[in-house]
């Protein structure tokens, strides 16, 4: 095809995007530089890496098919086959289901909430050890908050810097005015803190 004023040809086979040259769900026979012949259905293509992903049928195996990655430059000859001549044993891929926007929005909200929750548990004023102790206590007791640089566990036990077992103390009353934890609960929290100190 002639060009005018040096303009390039529109999408010749060598410069066309791979998806245009090898449409998804079409059957092809490729002869590669190694003289190997490969038949299959185009699964997808990637223009960035110049890769054609081919789904090929397998025989003498429990697997129905395999995926082959073929660099477009290694294809010496490509012959598109009619659908009825497609490689046996591989059905054409089913169309992707419709994207449910509401489901994606809910998933995004849940992920953002989780990220915000994680950020609330980070104290920039504490030491790395203090943050590790906090994370362990939160995981073990499900309720831990920062009170300055101290950690308040279950609203009744306070762990002060430098976050050793000897720095754990029971508060007289929790925020609701109920009785404080017993000594057994304090010992459990001290063991968690001590385990962090040993690791």
N, C-alpha and C. Protein backbone atom coordinates (compact mmCIF):
# COMPACT_ATOMS: atom_id res chain seq x y z
N UNK A 1 0.85 -1.18 0.00
CA UNK A 1 0.00 0.00 0.00
C UNK A 1 0.89 1.24 0.00
N UNK A 2 0.65 2.15 -0.88
CA UNK A 2 1.48 3.36 -1.00
C UNK A 2 1.18 4.31 0.13
N UNK A 3 2.21 5.07 0.50
CA UNK A 3 2.03 6.05 1.56
C UNK A 3 2.29 7.43 1.00
N UNK A 4 1.73 8.42 1.64
CA UNK A 4 1.89 9.80 1.18
C UNK A 4 2.64 10.58 2.25
N UNK A 5 3.60 11.43 1.84
CA UNK A 5 4.38 12.27 2.74
C UNK A 5 5.03 11.48 3.88
N UNK A 6 5.45 10.27 3.59
CA UNK A 6 6.16 9.48 4.60
C UNK A 6 5.27 8.93 5.70
N UNK A 7 3.95 9.03 5.57
CA UNK A 7 3.06 8.49 6.62
C UNK A 7 3.16 6.98 6.65
N UNK A 8 3.07 6.40 7.86
CA UNK A 8 3.19 4.96 8.01
C UNK A 8 1.90 4.27 7.61
N UNK A 9 2.04 3.02 7.17
CA UNK A 9 0.86 2.21 6.87
C UNK A 9 0.06 1.97 8.14
N UNK A 10 -1.23 1.87 7.99
CA UNK A 10 -2.08 1.60 9.15
C UNK A 10 -2.05 0.11 9.44
N UNK A 11 -1.57 -0.27 10.62
CA UNK A 11 -1.63 -1.62 11.17
C UNK A 11 -1.34 -2.72 10.17
N UNK A 12 -0.09 -2.77 9.71
CA UNK A 12 0.32 -3.90 8.87
C UNK A 12 0.52 -5.09 9.79
N UNK A 13 0.54 -6.32 9.26
CA UNK A 13 0.66 -7.48 10.13
C UNK A 13 1.85 -7.42 11.08
N UNK A 14 2.98 -6.81 10.66
CA UNK A 14 4.14 -6.79 11.53
C UNK A 14 4.06 -5.73 12.62
N UNK A 15 3.22 -4.71 12.44
CA UNK A 15 3.14 -3.63 13.43
C UNK A 15 1.81 -3.58 14.15
N UNK A 16 0.84 -4.37 13.72
CA UNK A 16 -0.48 -4.34 14.36
C UNK A 16 -0.38 -4.88 15.78
N UNK A 17 -1.24 -4.41 16.64
CA UNK A 17 -1.27 -4.92 18.01
C UNK A 17 -1.57 -6.41 17.97
N UNK A 18 -0.99 -7.13 18.91
CA UNK A 18 -1.17 -8.59 18.93
C UNK A 18 -2.63 -8.99 19.03
N UNK A 19 -3.41 -8.25 19.81
CA UNK A 19 -4.82 -8.61 19.97
C UNK A 19 -5.58 -8.49 18.65
N UNK A 20 -5.11 -7.61 17.75
CA UNK A 20 -5.75 -7.48 16.44
C UNK A 20 -5.28 -8.60 15.51
N UNK A 21 -4.01 -8.96 15.63
CA UNK A 21 -3.47 -10.03 14.77
C UNK A 21 -3.96 -11.40 15.20
N UNK A 22 -4.04 -11.61 16.52
CA UNK A 22 -4.44 -12.91 17.07
C UNK A 22 -5.58 -12.71 18.08
N UNK A 23 -6.81 -12.56 17.59
CA UNK A 23 -7.94 -12.30 18.50
C UNK A 23 -8.16 -13.45 19.49
N UNK A 24 -8.58 -13.09 20.68
CA UNK A 24 -8.90 -14.08 21.72
C UNK A 24 -9.98 -15.02 21.22
N UNK A 25 -9.88 -16.30 21.61
CA UNK A 25 -10.86 -17.35 21.26
C UNK A 25 -10.83 -17.75 19.79
N UNK A 26 -9.76 -17.44 19.09
CA UNK A 26 -9.62 -17.93 17.72
C UNK A 26 -8.57 -19.03 17.71
N UNK A 27 -8.72 -19.97 16.80
CA UNK A 27 -7.84 -21.13 16.73
C UNK A 27 -6.74 -20.89 15.71
N UNK A 28 -5.48 -21.24 16.08
CA UNK A 28 -4.34 -20.99 15.22
C UNK A 28 -3.39 -22.17 15.20
N UNK A 29 -2.63 -22.23 14.11
CA UNK A 29 -1.50 -23.15 14.03
C UNK A 29 -0.27 -22.29 13.82
N UNK A 30 0.71 -22.41 14.74
CA UNK A 30 1.93 -21.64 14.65
C UNK A 30 3.09 -22.56 14.31
N UNK A 31 3.93 -22.15 13.37
CA UNK A 31 5.20 -22.80 13.12
C UNK A 31 6.24 -21.88 13.73
N UNK A 32 7.03 -22.41 14.68
CA UNK A 32 8.00 -21.60 15.40
C UNK A 32 9.38 -21.69 14.76
N UNK A 33 10.28 -20.83 15.17
CA UNK A 33 11.65 -20.82 14.64
C UNK A 33 12.33 -22.17 14.84
N UNK A 34 11.95 -22.88 15.89
CA UNK A 34 12.54 -24.20 16.17
C UNK A 34 11.95 -25.28 15.28
N UNK A 35 11.08 -24.90 14.35
CA UNK A 35 10.36 -25.79 13.43
C UNK A 35 9.26 -26.60 14.13
N UNK A 36 9.02 -26.29 15.40
CA UNK A 36 7.92 -26.94 16.12
C UNK A 36 6.60 -26.34 15.64
N UNK A 37 5.59 -27.20 15.50
CA UNK A 37 4.25 -26.73 15.14
C UNK A 37 3.37 -26.82 16.38
N UNK A 38 2.71 -25.72 16.69
CA UNK A 38 1.85 -25.66 17.88
C UNK A 38 0.47 -25.23 17.45
N UNK A 39 -0.55 -25.97 17.92
CA UNK A 39 -1.94 -25.61 17.62
C UNK A 39 -2.67 -25.32 18.91
N UNK A 40 -3.57 -24.35 18.84
CA UNK A 40 -4.37 -24.05 20.02
C UNK A 40 -5.25 -22.84 19.83
N UNK A 41 -5.85 -22.44 20.92
CA UNK A 41 -6.75 -21.29 20.92
C UNK A 41 -6.09 -20.15 21.66
N UNK A 42 -6.19 -18.96 21.11
CA UNK A 42 -5.58 -17.78 21.74
C UNK A 42 -6.32 -17.51 23.05
N UNK A 43 -5.57 -17.56 24.14
CA UNK A 43 -6.13 -17.29 25.47
C UNK A 43 -6.09 -15.79 25.76
N UNK A 44 -4.94 -15.19 25.46
CA UNK A 44 -4.80 -13.73 25.57
C UNK A 44 -3.47 -13.33 24.92
N UNK A 45 -3.25 -12.03 24.79
CA UNK A 45 -1.99 -11.53 24.25
C UNK A 45 -1.50 -10.38 25.12
N UNK A 46 -0.20 -10.11 25.04
CA UNK A 46 0.37 -9.00 25.79
C UNK A 46 1.32 -8.23 24.90
N UNK A 47 0.94 -7.02 24.54
CA UNK A 47 1.76 -6.21 23.64
C UNK A 47 3.06 -5.75 24.30
N UNK A 48 3.04 -5.54 25.60
CA UNK A 48 4.25 -5.06 26.29
C UNK A 48 5.39 -6.07 26.14
N UNK A 49 5.10 -7.34 26.39
CA UNK A 49 6.15 -8.37 26.29
C UNK A 49 6.15 -9.07 24.94
N UNK A 50 5.21 -8.68 24.07
CA UNK A 50 5.07 -9.30 22.74
C UNK A 50 4.87 -10.81 22.87
N UNK A 51 3.96 -11.18 23.79
CA UNK A 51 3.70 -12.59 24.08
C UNK A 51 2.29 -12.97 23.68
N UNK A 52 2.19 -14.14 23.04
CA UNK A 52 0.89 -14.73 22.72
C UNK A 52 0.70 -15.90 23.68
N UNK A 53 -0.43 -15.93 24.37
CA UNK A 53 -0.72 -17.02 25.31
C UNK A 53 -1.69 -17.95 24.61
N UNK A 54 -1.23 -19.18 24.40
CA UNK A 54 -1.98 -20.16 23.62
C UNK A 54 -2.42 -21.30 24.53
N UNK A 55 -3.69 -21.66 24.45
CA UNK A 55 -4.21 -22.81 25.20
C UNK A 55 -4.23 -24.00 24.25
N UNK A 56 -3.46 -25.02 24.60
CA UNK A 56 -3.35 -26.17 23.70
C UNK A 56 -3.89 -27.42 24.37
N UNK A 57 -4.45 -28.32 23.56
CA UNK A 57 -4.99 -29.58 24.08
C UNK A 57 -3.85 -30.53 24.41
N UNK A 58 -4.08 -31.38 25.39
CA UNK A 58 -3.10 -32.39 25.78
C UNK A 58 -3.70 -33.77 25.59
N UNK A 59 -2.86 -34.71 25.19
CA UNK A 59 -3.33 -36.09 25.11
C UNK A 59 -2.46 -36.94 26.03
N UNK A 60 -2.95 -38.09 26.42
CA UNK A 60 -2.23 -39.01 27.31
C UNK A 60 -1.93 -38.39 28.67
N UNK A 61 -2.85 -37.60 29.17
CA UNK A 61 -2.69 -36.99 30.49
C UNK A 61 -4.06 -36.69 31.07
N UNK A 62 -4.10 -36.50 32.40
CA UNK A 62 -5.38 -36.18 33.04
C UNK A 62 -5.74 -34.71 32.84
N UNK A 63 -4.77 -33.90 32.43
CA UNK A 63 -5.06 -32.48 32.19
C UNK A 63 -5.72 -32.32 30.83
N UNK A 64 -6.68 -31.42 30.76
CA UNK A 64 -7.39 -31.19 29.50
C UNK A 64 -6.58 -30.32 28.56
N UNK A 65 -5.83 -29.37 29.13
CA UNK A 65 -5.08 -28.45 28.28
C UNK A 65 -3.91 -27.87 29.05
N UNK A 66 -3.04 -27.20 28.31
CA UNK A 66 -1.93 -26.48 28.92
C UNK A 66 -1.86 -25.10 28.31
N UNK A 67 -1.17 -24.22 28.99
CA UNK A 67 -0.99 -22.85 28.51
C UNK A 67 0.45 -22.71 28.02
N UNK A 68 0.62 -22.20 26.80
CA UNK A 68 1.94 -21.97 26.23
C UNK A 68 2.13 -20.47 26.03
N UNK A 69 3.28 -19.98 26.44
CA UNK A 69 3.63 -18.58 26.20
C UNK A 69 4.59 -18.55 25.02
N UNK A 70 4.23 -17.83 23.99
CA UNK A 70 5.03 -17.80 22.77
C UNK A 70 5.38 -16.36 22.45
N UNK A 71 6.67 -16.08 22.30
CA UNK A 71 7.08 -14.74 21.90
C UNK A 71 6.72 -14.56 20.43
N UNK A 72 6.08 -13.45 20.11
CA UNK A 72 5.59 -13.21 18.75
C UNK A 72 6.71 -13.28 17.71
N UNK A 73 7.93 -12.88 18.10
CA UNK A 73 9.05 -12.89 17.15
C UNK A 73 9.48 -14.31 16.78
N UNK A 74 9.08 -15.31 17.59
CA UNK A 74 9.46 -16.71 17.31
C UNK A 74 8.47 -17.41 16.38
N UNK A 75 7.38 -16.70 16.02
CA UNK A 75 6.39 -17.29 15.11
C UNK A 75 6.84 -17.04 13.67
N UNK A 76 7.15 -18.14 12.97
CA UNK A 76 7.59 -18.03 11.58
C UNK A 76 6.38 -17.96 10.66
N UNK A 77 5.39 -18.81 10.93
CA UNK A 77 4.19 -18.85 10.11
C UNK A 77 2.98 -19.07 11.02
N UNK A 78 1.92 -18.32 10.77
CA UNK A 78 0.70 -18.44 11.55
C UNK A 78 -0.47 -18.66 10.61
N UNK A 79 -1.24 -19.71 10.87
CA UNK A 79 -2.40 -20.02 10.05
C UNK A 79 -3.63 -20.11 10.94
N UNK A 80 -4.61 -19.23 10.67
CA UNK A 80 -5.83 -19.29 11.46
C UNK A 80 -6.69 -20.42 10.96
N UNK A 81 -7.22 -21.20 11.90
CA UNK A 81 -8.07 -22.33 11.54
C UNK A 81 -9.52 -21.96 11.74
N UNK A 82 -10.38 -22.65 11.00
CA UNK A 82 -11.81 -22.44 11.19
C UNK A 82 -12.21 -22.98 12.55
N UNK A 83 -13.29 -22.46 13.10
CA UNK A 83 -13.73 -22.87 14.44
C UNK A 83 -13.96 -24.37 14.52
N UNK A 84 -14.54 -24.95 13.48
CA UNK A 84 -14.80 -26.41 13.52
C UNK A 84 -13.51 -27.21 13.46
N UNK A 85 -12.40 -26.57 12.99
CA UNK A 85 -11.12 -27.26 12.95
C UNK A 85 -10.29 -27.00 14.21
N UNK A 86 -10.90 -26.33 15.18
CA UNK A 86 -10.17 -25.97 16.39
C UNK A 86 -9.66 -27.21 17.09
N UNK A 87 -8.60 -27.03 17.82
CA UNK A 87 -7.99 -28.14 18.53
C UNK A 87 -9.04 -28.83 19.39
N UNK A 88 -9.15 -30.14 19.23
CA UNK A 88 -10.16 -30.89 19.97
C UNK A 88 -9.85 -30.88 21.45
N UNK A 89 -10.89 -30.91 22.25
CA UNK A 89 -10.72 -30.99 23.69
C UNK A 89 -10.65 -29.64 24.38
N UNK A 90 -10.61 -28.56 23.63
CA UNK A 90 -10.57 -27.23 24.25
C UNK A 90 -11.80 -26.44 23.81
N UNK A 91 -12.73 -26.23 24.71
CA UNK A 91 -13.87 -25.40 24.33
C UNK A 91 -13.45 -23.94 24.26
N UNK A 92 -14.13 -23.18 23.43
CA UNK A 92 -13.85 -21.75 23.39
C UNK A 92 -14.17 -21.16 24.75
N UNK A 93 -13.34 -20.25 25.19
CA UNK A 93 -13.53 -19.66 26.51
C UNK A 93 -14.89 -19.00 26.62
N UNK A 94 -15.52 -19.18 27.78
CA UNK A 94 -16.80 -18.53 28.01
C UNK A 94 -16.56 -17.05 28.22
N UNK A 95 -17.51 -16.22 27.83
CA UNK A 95 -17.31 -14.78 28.06
C UNK A 95 -17.25 -14.49 29.55
N UNK A 96 -16.50 -13.46 29.90
CA UNK A 96 -16.39 -13.08 31.30
C UNK A 96 -17.74 -12.61 31.81
N UNK A 97 -18.05 -12.90 33.08
CA UNK A 97 -19.33 -12.43 33.62
C UNK A 97 -19.32 -10.91 33.74
N UNK A 98 -20.52 -10.34 33.80
CA UNK A 98 -20.62 -8.89 33.95
C UNK A 98 -20.04 -8.48 35.29
N UNK A 99 -19.35 -7.35 35.29
CA UNK A 99 -18.78 -6.84 36.54
C UNK A 99 -19.90 -6.22 37.36
N UNK A 100 -20.00 -6.65 38.60
CA UNK A 100 -21.02 -6.11 39.49
C UNK A 100 -20.40 -4.96 40.28
N UNK A 101 -20.74 -3.76 39.87
CA UNK A 101 -20.13 -2.56 40.44
C UNK A 101 -20.38 -2.46 41.94
N UNK A 102 -21.57 -2.84 42.38
CA UNK A 102 -21.92 -2.75 43.79
C UNK A 102 -21.02 -3.65 44.64
N UNK A 103 -20.75 -4.86 44.14
CA UNK A 103 -19.89 -5.80 44.86
C UNK A 103 -18.48 -5.24 44.97
N UNK A 104 -17.97 -4.66 43.88
CA UNK A 104 -16.64 -4.07 43.90
C UNK A 104 -16.55 -2.89 44.86
N UNK A 105 -17.60 -2.07 44.89
CA UNK A 105 -17.62 -0.92 45.80
C UNK A 105 -17.63 -1.38 47.25
N UNK A 106 -18.40 -2.44 47.54
CA UNK A 106 -18.44 -2.98 48.91
C UNK A 106 -17.07 -3.53 49.31
N UNK A 107 -16.42 -4.22 48.37
CA UNK A 107 -15.10 -4.78 48.64
C UNK A 107 -14.09 -3.67 48.89
N UNK A 108 -14.20 -2.58 48.11
CA UNK A 108 -13.30 -1.45 48.29
C UNK A 108 -13.51 -0.80 49.66
N UNK A 109 -14.79 -0.61 50.05
CA UNK A 109 -15.09 0.00 51.35
C UNK A 109 -14.53 -0.85 52.49
N UNK A 110 -14.68 -2.17 52.36
CA UNK A 110 -14.18 -3.08 53.39
C UNK A 110 -12.66 -3.00 53.50
N UNK A 111 -11.98 -2.94 52.35
CA UNK A 111 -10.52 -2.84 52.34
C UNK A 111 -10.05 -1.52 52.94
N UNK A 112 -10.74 -0.42 52.61
CA UNK A 112 -10.38 0.89 53.17
C UNK A 112 -10.59 0.92 54.67
N UNK A 113 -11.70 0.33 55.12
CA UNK A 113 -11.99 0.30 56.56
C UNK A 113 -10.92 -0.49 57.29
N UNK A 114 -10.51 -1.61 56.71
CA UNK A 114 -9.47 -2.44 57.32
C UNK A 114 -8.14 -1.68 57.38
N UNK A 115 -7.82 -0.97 56.30
CA UNK A 115 -6.57 -0.19 56.27
C UNK A 115 -6.60 0.93 57.30
N UNK A 116 -7.74 1.62 57.41
CA UNK A 116 -7.87 2.70 58.39
C UNK A 116 -7.75 2.16 59.81
N UNK A 117 -8.34 0.99 60.05
CA UNK A 117 -8.27 0.35 61.36
C UNK A 117 -6.82 0.03 61.71
N UNK A 118 -6.08 -0.49 60.74
CA UNK A 118 -4.68 -0.82 60.98
C UNK A 118 -3.86 0.43 61.28
N UNK A 119 -4.15 1.52 60.57
CA UNK A 119 -3.41 2.77 60.79
C UNK A 119 -3.69 3.35 62.17
N UNK A 120 -4.91 3.14 62.69
CA UNK A 120 -5.26 3.66 64.02
C UNK A 120 -4.42 2.99 65.11
N UNK A 121 -3.91 1.81 64.84
CA UNK A 121 -3.15 1.07 65.84
C UNK A 121 -1.66 1.40 65.83
N UNK A 122 -1.25 2.28 64.92
CA UNK A 122 0.17 2.64 64.83
C UNK A 122 0.41 3.91 65.64
N UNK A 123 1.41 3.84 66.52
CA UNK A 123 1.79 4.99 67.34
C UNK A 123 3.17 5.45 66.88
N UNK A 124 3.23 6.61 66.28
CA UNK A 124 4.49 7.13 65.75
C UNK A 124 5.46 7.56 66.84
N UNK A 125 4.95 7.74 68.07
CA UNK A 125 5.80 8.20 69.17
C UNK A 125 6.50 7.06 69.89
N UNK A 126 6.06 5.85 69.67
CA UNK A 126 6.63 4.72 70.41
C UNK A 126 7.85 4.14 69.71
N UNK A 127 8.52 3.24 70.41
CA UNK A 127 9.67 2.54 69.85
C UNK A 127 9.18 1.36 69.02
N UNK A 128 10.05 0.79 68.16
CA UNK A 128 9.64 -0.41 67.42
C UNK A 128 9.20 -1.54 68.34
N UNK A 129 9.91 -1.71 69.49
CA UNK A 129 9.52 -2.74 70.45
C UNK A 129 8.12 -2.47 71.00
N UNK A 130 7.84 -1.21 71.29
CA UNK A 130 6.53 -0.84 71.81
C UNK A 130 5.42 -1.19 70.83
N UNK A 131 5.67 -0.95 69.54
CA UNK A 131 4.66 -1.27 68.51
C UNK A 131 4.46 -2.78 68.41
N UNK A 132 5.55 -3.54 68.53
CA UNK A 132 5.43 -5.00 68.46
C UNK A 132 4.64 -5.53 69.65
N UNK A 133 4.93 -4.99 70.85
CA UNK A 133 4.19 -5.41 72.05
C UNK A 133 2.70 -5.09 71.88
N UNK A 134 2.42 -3.89 71.37
CA UNK A 134 1.02 -3.50 71.15
C UNK A 134 0.32 -4.47 70.20
N UNK A 135 0.97 -4.77 69.08
CA UNK A 135 0.37 -5.66 68.08
C UNK A 135 0.10 -7.04 68.66
N UNK A 136 1.04 -7.57 69.47
CA UNK A 136 0.84 -8.89 70.10
C UNK A 136 -0.32 -8.86 71.08
N UNK A 137 -0.40 -7.81 71.89
CA UNK A 137 -1.47 -7.69 72.87
C UNK A 137 -2.83 -7.53 72.19
N UNK A 138 -2.86 -6.77 71.12
CA UNK A 138 -4.11 -6.57 70.38
C UNK A 138 -4.59 -7.90 69.79
N UNK A 139 -3.65 -8.68 69.25
CA UNK A 139 -4.01 -9.98 68.67
C UNK A 139 -4.48 -10.95 69.74
N UNK A 140 -3.81 -10.95 70.90
CA UNK A 140 -4.14 -11.91 71.96
C UNK A 140 -5.39 -11.53 72.74
N UNK A 141 -5.59 -10.23 72.95
CA UNK A 141 -6.69 -9.79 73.82
C UNK A 141 -7.84 -9.10 73.09
N UNK A 142 -7.66 -8.80 71.82
CA UNK A 142 -8.67 -8.16 70.97
C UNK A 142 -9.03 -6.75 71.37
N UNK A 143 -8.45 -6.25 72.45
CA UNK A 143 -8.76 -4.87 72.86
C UNK A 143 -7.53 -4.24 73.47
N UNK A 144 -6.90 -3.37 72.71
CA UNK A 144 -5.73 -2.61 73.17
C UNK A 144 -5.74 -1.26 72.48
N UNK A 145 -5.44 -0.23 73.24
CA UNK A 145 -5.39 1.13 72.69
C UNK A 145 -4.16 1.83 73.23
N UNK A 146 -3.75 2.85 72.51
CA UNK A 146 -2.63 3.66 72.97
C UNK A 146 -3.13 4.74 73.90
N UNK A 147 -2.39 4.97 74.98
CA UNK A 147 -2.66 6.07 75.91
C UNK A 147 -1.33 6.80 76.06
N UNK A 148 -1.09 7.74 75.14
CA UNK A 148 0.23 8.36 75.04
C UNK A 148 1.19 7.32 74.50
N UNK A 149 2.25 7.03 75.27
CA UNK A 149 3.19 5.98 74.88
C UNK A 149 2.92 4.69 75.64
N UNK A 150 1.93 4.68 76.50
CA UNK A 150 1.55 3.48 77.23
C UNK A 150 0.47 2.72 76.49
N UNK A 151 0.37 1.43 76.77
CA UNK A 151 -0.64 0.58 76.13
C UNK A 151 -1.67 0.22 77.18
N UNK A 152 -2.93 0.44 76.84
CA UNK A 152 -4.03 0.10 77.74
C UNK A 152 -4.73 -1.13 77.19
N UNK A 153 -4.67 -2.24 77.94
CA UNK A 153 -5.22 -3.52 77.49
C UNK A 153 -6.52 -3.79 78.23
N UNK A 154 -7.58 -4.08 77.48
CA UNK A 154 -8.91 -4.37 78.03
C UNK A 154 -9.40 -3.27 78.96
N UNK A 155 -8.86 -2.08 78.80
CA UNK A 155 -9.27 -0.95 79.62
C UNK A 155 -8.85 -1.07 81.07
N UNK A 156 -8.02 -2.09 81.41
CA UNK A 156 -7.72 -2.34 82.82
C UNK A 156 -6.25 -2.59 83.14
N UNK A 157 -5.45 -2.93 82.15
CA UNK A 157 -4.02 -3.15 82.38
C UNK A 157 -3.23 -2.17 81.53
N UNK A 158 -2.28 -1.51 82.18
CA UNK A 158 -1.46 -0.54 81.48
C UNK A 158 -0.03 -1.07 81.38
N UNK A 159 0.54 -0.98 80.17
CA UNK A 159 1.92 -1.39 79.93
C UNK A 159 2.68 -0.12 79.55
N UNK A 160 3.65 0.23 80.40
CA UNK A 160 4.42 1.46 80.19
C UNK A 160 5.76 1.16 79.54
N UNK A 161 6.36 2.19 78.88
CA UNK A 161 7.70 2.00 78.33
C UNK A 161 8.67 1.66 79.46
N UNK A 162 9.67 0.87 79.22
CA UNK A 162 10.13 0.28 77.95
C UNK A 162 9.48 -1.06 77.62
N UNK A 163 8.27 -1.29 78.08
CA UNK A 163 7.43 -2.42 77.68
C UNK A 163 7.98 -3.79 78.10
N UNK A 164 8.43 -3.88 79.32
CA UNK A 164 8.84 -5.17 79.89
C UNK A 164 7.73 -5.70 80.77
N UNK A 165 7.78 -6.99 81.17
CA UNK A 165 6.73 -7.56 82.02
C UNK A 165 6.60 -6.83 83.35
N UNK A 166 7.72 -6.28 83.83
CA UNK A 166 7.68 -5.56 85.12
C UNK A 166 7.02 -4.19 84.99
N UNK A 167 6.72 -3.77 83.75
CA UNK A 167 6.08 -2.47 83.52
C UNK A 167 4.58 -2.59 83.29
N UNK A 168 4.01 -3.77 83.60
CA UNK A 168 2.57 -4.00 83.48
C UNK A 168 1.92 -3.78 84.84
N UNK A 169 0.83 -3.04 84.87
CA UNK A 169 0.14 -2.81 86.14
C UNK A 169 -1.37 -2.79 85.92
N UNK A 170 -2.08 -3.28 86.94
CA UNK A 170 -3.55 -3.28 86.89
C UNK A 170 -4.03 -1.91 87.36
N UNK A 171 -4.94 -1.34 86.62
CA UNK A 171 -5.57 -0.09 87.04
C UNK A 171 -6.66 -0.44 88.05
N UNK A 172 -6.94 0.44 88.97
CA UNK A 172 -7.92 0.15 90.02
C UNK A 172 -9.31 -0.09 89.45
N UNK A 173 -9.73 0.74 88.53
CA UNK A 173 -11.05 0.58 87.91
C UNK A 173 -10.92 0.86 86.43
N UNK A 174 -11.74 0.15 85.65
CA UNK A 174 -11.73 0.44 84.22
C UNK A 174 -12.65 1.61 83.93
N UNK A 175 -12.79 1.95 82.70
CA UNK A 175 -13.57 3.12 82.30
C UNK A 175 -15.03 3.03 82.73
N UNK A 176 -15.58 1.80 82.81
CA UNK A 176 -17.00 1.66 83.17
C UNK A 176 -17.19 1.57 84.68
N UNK A 177 -16.11 1.64 85.46
CA UNK A 177 -16.23 1.59 86.91
C UNK A 177 -16.30 0.19 87.48
N UNK A 178 -16.14 -0.83 86.63
CA UNK A 178 -16.18 -2.21 87.11
C UNK A 178 -14.89 -2.58 87.81
N UNK A 179 -14.92 -3.69 88.52
CA UNK A 179 -13.73 -4.20 89.19
C UNK A 179 -12.64 -4.48 88.18
N UNK A 180 -11.40 -4.30 88.60
CA UNK A 180 -10.29 -4.55 87.69
C UNK A 180 -10.04 -6.05 87.55
N UNK A 181 -9.16 -6.40 86.62
CA UNK A 181 -8.82 -7.79 86.35
C UNK A 181 -8.14 -8.43 87.55
N UNK A 182 -8.20 -9.76 87.60
CA UNK A 182 -7.50 -10.46 88.67
C UNK A 182 -6.02 -10.63 88.32
N UNK A 183 -5.25 -11.14 89.26
CA UNK A 183 -3.81 -11.30 89.06
C UNK A 183 -3.49 -12.29 87.96
N UNK A 184 -4.36 -13.30 87.73
CA UNK A 184 -4.14 -14.28 86.67
C UNK A 184 -4.13 -13.62 85.30
N UNK A 185 -5.03 -12.66 85.09
CA UNK A 185 -5.08 -11.94 83.83
C UNK A 185 -3.85 -11.08 83.65
N UNK A 186 -3.39 -10.47 84.73
CA UNK A 186 -2.18 -9.66 84.68
C UNK A 186 -0.98 -10.54 84.30
N UNK A 187 -0.91 -11.72 84.88
CA UNK A 187 0.19 -12.64 84.58
C UNK A 187 0.18 -13.04 83.11
N UNK A 188 -1.01 -13.25 82.57
CA UNK A 188 -1.13 -13.62 81.15
C UNK A 188 -0.58 -12.51 80.26
N UNK A 189 -0.93 -11.28 80.58
CA UNK A 189 -0.45 -10.14 79.80
C UNK A 189 1.06 -9.98 79.96
N UNK A 190 1.56 -10.21 81.19
CA UNK A 190 3.00 -10.13 81.42
C UNK A 190 3.76 -11.19 80.61
N UNK A 191 3.16 -12.38 80.49
CA UNK A 191 3.80 -13.44 79.70
C UNK A 191 3.88 -13.05 78.22
N UNK A 192 2.82 -12.41 77.70
CA UNK A 192 2.83 -11.96 76.31
C UNK A 192 3.93 -10.94 76.10
N UNK A 193 4.01 -9.98 77.03
CA UNK A 193 5.04 -8.93 76.94
C UNK A 193 6.43 -9.55 77.06
N UNK A 194 6.59 -10.51 77.97
CA UNK A 194 7.90 -11.16 78.15
C UNK A 194 8.32 -11.92 76.91
N UNK A 195 7.35 -12.57 76.23
CA UNK A 195 7.64 -13.33 75.02
C UNK A 195 8.20 -12.41 73.92
N UNK A 196 7.68 -11.20 73.85
CA UNK A 196 8.19 -10.23 72.87
C UNK A 196 9.61 -9.83 73.22
N UNK A 197 9.89 -9.66 74.50
CA UNK A 197 11.22 -9.26 74.96
C UNK A 197 12.26 -10.33 74.64
N UNK A 198 11.84 -11.62 74.69
CA UNK A 198 12.76 -12.72 74.42
C UNK A 198 13.03 -12.92 72.94
N UNK A 199 12.07 -12.51 72.09
CA UNK A 199 12.24 -12.78 70.65
C UNK A 199 13.13 -11.76 69.99
